[in-house]
Amino acid sequence: MWTRLWPSLAPRLGASDAIILESFPDRTATDLINALADADASPDEIEQTIIKND
């Protein structure tokens, strides 16, 4: 779920890439780039997941 939801939600909360990576030390910058690309490719699905889990 992290790869789909957190990178999409974090910027809405004001989290920078650095903060995201500090919060998830087991993730790499490449993981973050890939997750953001995935989230950008599926904005409706991400939005529905956020709404469903709110």
N, C-alpha and C. Protein backbone atom coordinates (compact mmCIF):
# COMPACT_ATOMS: atom_id res chain seq x y z
N MET A 1 0.82 -1.20 0.00
CA MET A 1 0.00 0.00 0.00
C MET A 1 0.86 1.26 0.00
N TRP A 2 2.02 1.22 0.67
CA TRP A 2 2.87 2.40 0.72
C TRP A 2 3.14 2.95 -0.66
N THR A 3 3.46 2.08 -1.58
CA THR A 3 3.86 2.55 -2.90
C THR A 3 2.73 3.23 -3.64
N ARG A 4 1.51 3.00 -3.26
CA ARG A 4 0.38 3.63 -3.94
C ARG A 4 -0.15 4.85 -3.19
N LEU A 5 -0.13 4.81 -1.88
CA LEU A 5 -0.85 5.82 -1.12
C LEU A 5 0.04 6.90 -0.51
N TRP A 6 1.04 6.52 0.24
CA TRP A 6 1.82 7.50 0.99
C TRP A 6 2.47 8.56 0.10
N PRO A 7 3.13 8.22 -1.00
CA PRO A 7 3.75 9.28 -1.81
C PRO A 7 2.73 10.25 -2.39
N SER A 8 1.53 9.79 -2.60
CA SER A 8 0.48 10.67 -3.10
C SER A 8 -0.08 11.55 -2.00
N LEU A 9 -0.20 11.02 -0.82
CA LEU A 9 -0.79 11.73 0.30
C LEU A 9 0.20 12.69 0.98
N ALA A 10 1.44 12.29 1.09
CA ALA A 10 2.44 13.07 1.83
C ALA A 10 2.58 14.51 1.35
N PRO A 11 2.68 14.76 0.05
CA PRO A 11 2.79 16.16 -0.37
C PRO A 11 1.56 16.99 0.01
N ARG A 12 0.40 16.38 0.05
CA ARG A 12 -0.80 17.09 0.48
C ARG A 12 -0.67 17.54 1.92
N LEU A 13 0.12 16.81 2.68
CA LEU A 13 0.33 17.13 4.09
C LEU A 13 1.56 18.01 4.30
N GLY A 14 2.22 18.37 3.20
CA GLY A 14 3.38 19.24 3.28
C GLY A 14 4.69 18.52 3.46
N ALA A 15 4.71 17.21 3.29
CA ALA A 15 5.94 16.44 3.46
C ALA A 15 6.80 16.52 2.21
N SER A 16 8.06 16.84 2.40
CA SER A 16 9.00 16.87 1.28
C SER A 16 9.49 15.45 0.99
N ASP A 17 10.16 15.29 -0.14
CA ASP A 17 10.75 13.99 -0.46
C ASP A 17 11.70 13.55 0.66
N ALA A 18 12.47 14.49 1.18
CA ALA A 18 13.43 14.16 2.24
C ALA A 18 12.71 13.64 3.48
N ILE A 19 11.61 14.28 3.85
CA ILE A 19 10.85 13.83 5.03
C ILE A 19 10.27 12.45 4.79
N ILE A 20 9.74 12.23 3.59
CA ILE A 20 9.20 10.91 3.28
C ILE A 20 10.29 9.85 3.41
N LEU A 21 11.45 10.10 2.83
CA LEU A 21 12.54 9.12 2.88
C LEU A 21 13.07 8.94 4.30
N GLU A 22 13.10 10.00 5.10
CA GLU A 22 13.52 9.87 6.49
C GLU A 22 12.52 9.03 7.28
N SER A 23 11.25 9.16 6.94
CA SER A 23 10.20 8.43 7.65
C SER A 23 10.19 6.95 7.30
N PHE A 24 10.71 6.61 6.15
CA PHE A 24 10.75 5.22 5.67
C PHE A 24 12.17 4.88 5.25
N PRO A 25 13.07 4.67 6.23
CA PRO A 25 14.48 4.46 5.91
C PRO A 25 14.76 3.22 5.06
N ASP A 26 13.81 2.31 5.01
CA ASP A 26 14.01 1.11 4.19
C ASP A 26 13.68 1.37 2.72
N ARG A 27 13.17 2.57 2.39
CA ARG A 27 12.85 2.94 1.01
C ARG A 27 13.96 3.80 0.44
N THR A 28 14.16 3.70 -0.86
CA THR A 28 15.19 4.48 -1.53
C THR A 28 14.54 5.60 -2.33
N ALA A 29 15.38 6.52 -2.79
CA ALA A 29 14.88 7.60 -3.65
C ALA A 29 14.25 7.02 -4.91
N THR A 30 14.81 5.95 -5.41
CA THR A 30 14.25 5.30 -6.60
C THR A 30 12.86 4.75 -6.29
N ASP A 31 12.68 4.16 -5.10
CA ASP A 31 11.36 3.68 -4.69
C ASP A 31 10.36 4.83 -4.69
N LEU A 32 10.78 5.97 -4.16
CA LEU A 32 9.89 7.13 -4.09
C LEU A 32 9.53 7.63 -5.49
N ILE A 33 10.51 7.74 -6.36
CA ILE A 33 10.26 8.18 -7.74
C ILE A 33 9.27 7.24 -8.42
N ASN A 34 9.49 5.95 -8.26
CA ASN A 34 8.58 4.97 -8.87
C ASN A 34 7.18 5.05 -8.29
N ALA A 35 7.09 5.24 -6.99
CA ALA A 35 5.78 5.34 -6.34
C ALA A 35 5.03 6.59 -6.80
N LEU A 36 5.75 7.70 -6.91
CA LEU A 36 5.11 8.94 -7.38
C LEU A 36 4.65 8.80 -8.82
N ALA A 37 5.45 8.15 -9.66
CA ALA A 37 5.05 7.93 -11.05
C ALA A 37 3.81 7.06 -11.11
N ASP A 38 3.76 6.03 -10.27
CA ASP A 38 2.61 5.15 -10.22
C ASP A 38 1.37 5.91 -9.76
N ALA A 39 1.53 6.74 -8.74
CA ALA A 39 0.41 7.53 -8.22
C ALA A 39 -0.07 8.53 -9.27
N ASP A 40 0.85 9.14 -9.99
CA ASP A 40 0.48 10.08 -11.04
C ASP A 40 -0.27 9.40 -12.18
N ALA A 41 0.03 8.14 -12.41
CA ALA A 41 -0.61 7.40 -13.49
C ALA A 41 -2.03 6.95 -13.12
N SER A 42 -2.33 6.93 -11.82
CA SER A 42 -3.64 6.43 -11.36
C SER A 42 -4.27 7.37 -10.34
N PRO A 43 -4.44 8.64 -10.67
CA PRO A 43 -4.93 9.59 -9.65
C PRO A 43 -6.33 9.27 -9.13
N ASP A 44 -7.20 8.78 -9.97
CA ASP A 44 -8.56 8.46 -9.50
C ASP A 44 -8.55 7.31 -8.52
N GLU A 45 -7.75 6.30 -8.80
CA GLU A 45 -7.66 5.15 -7.90
C GLU A 45 -7.05 5.57 -6.56
N ILE A 46 -6.04 6.41 -6.59
CA ILE A 46 -5.41 6.89 -5.37
C ILE A 46 -6.42 7.71 -4.56
N GLU A 47 -7.14 8.59 -5.23
CA GLU A 47 -8.14 9.42 -4.54
C GLU A 47 -9.21 8.55 -3.88
N GLN A 48 -9.67 7.53 -4.57
CA GLN A 48 -10.68 6.63 -4.00
C GLN A 48 -10.14 5.87 -2.80
N THR A 49 -8.87 5.48 -2.85
CA THR A 49 -8.25 4.79 -1.72
C THR A 49 -8.16 5.72 -0.51
N ILE A 50 -7.80 6.98 -0.76
CA ILE A 50 -7.72 7.96 0.32
C ILE A 50 -9.11 8.16 0.95
N ILE A 51 -10.11 8.33 0.12
CA ILE A 51 -11.48 8.54 0.61
C ILE A 51 -11.95 7.31 1.40
N LYS A 52 -11.70 6.14 0.87
CA LYS A 52 -12.13 4.90 1.52
C LYS A 52 -11.47 4.72 2.88
N ASN A 53 -10.23 5.15 3.02
CA ASN A 53 -9.49 4.95 4.26
C ASN A 53 -9.53 6.16 5.19
N ASP A 54 -10.31 7.15 4.83
CA ASP A 54 -10.39 8.36 5.65
C ASP A 54 -11.28 8.16 6.85
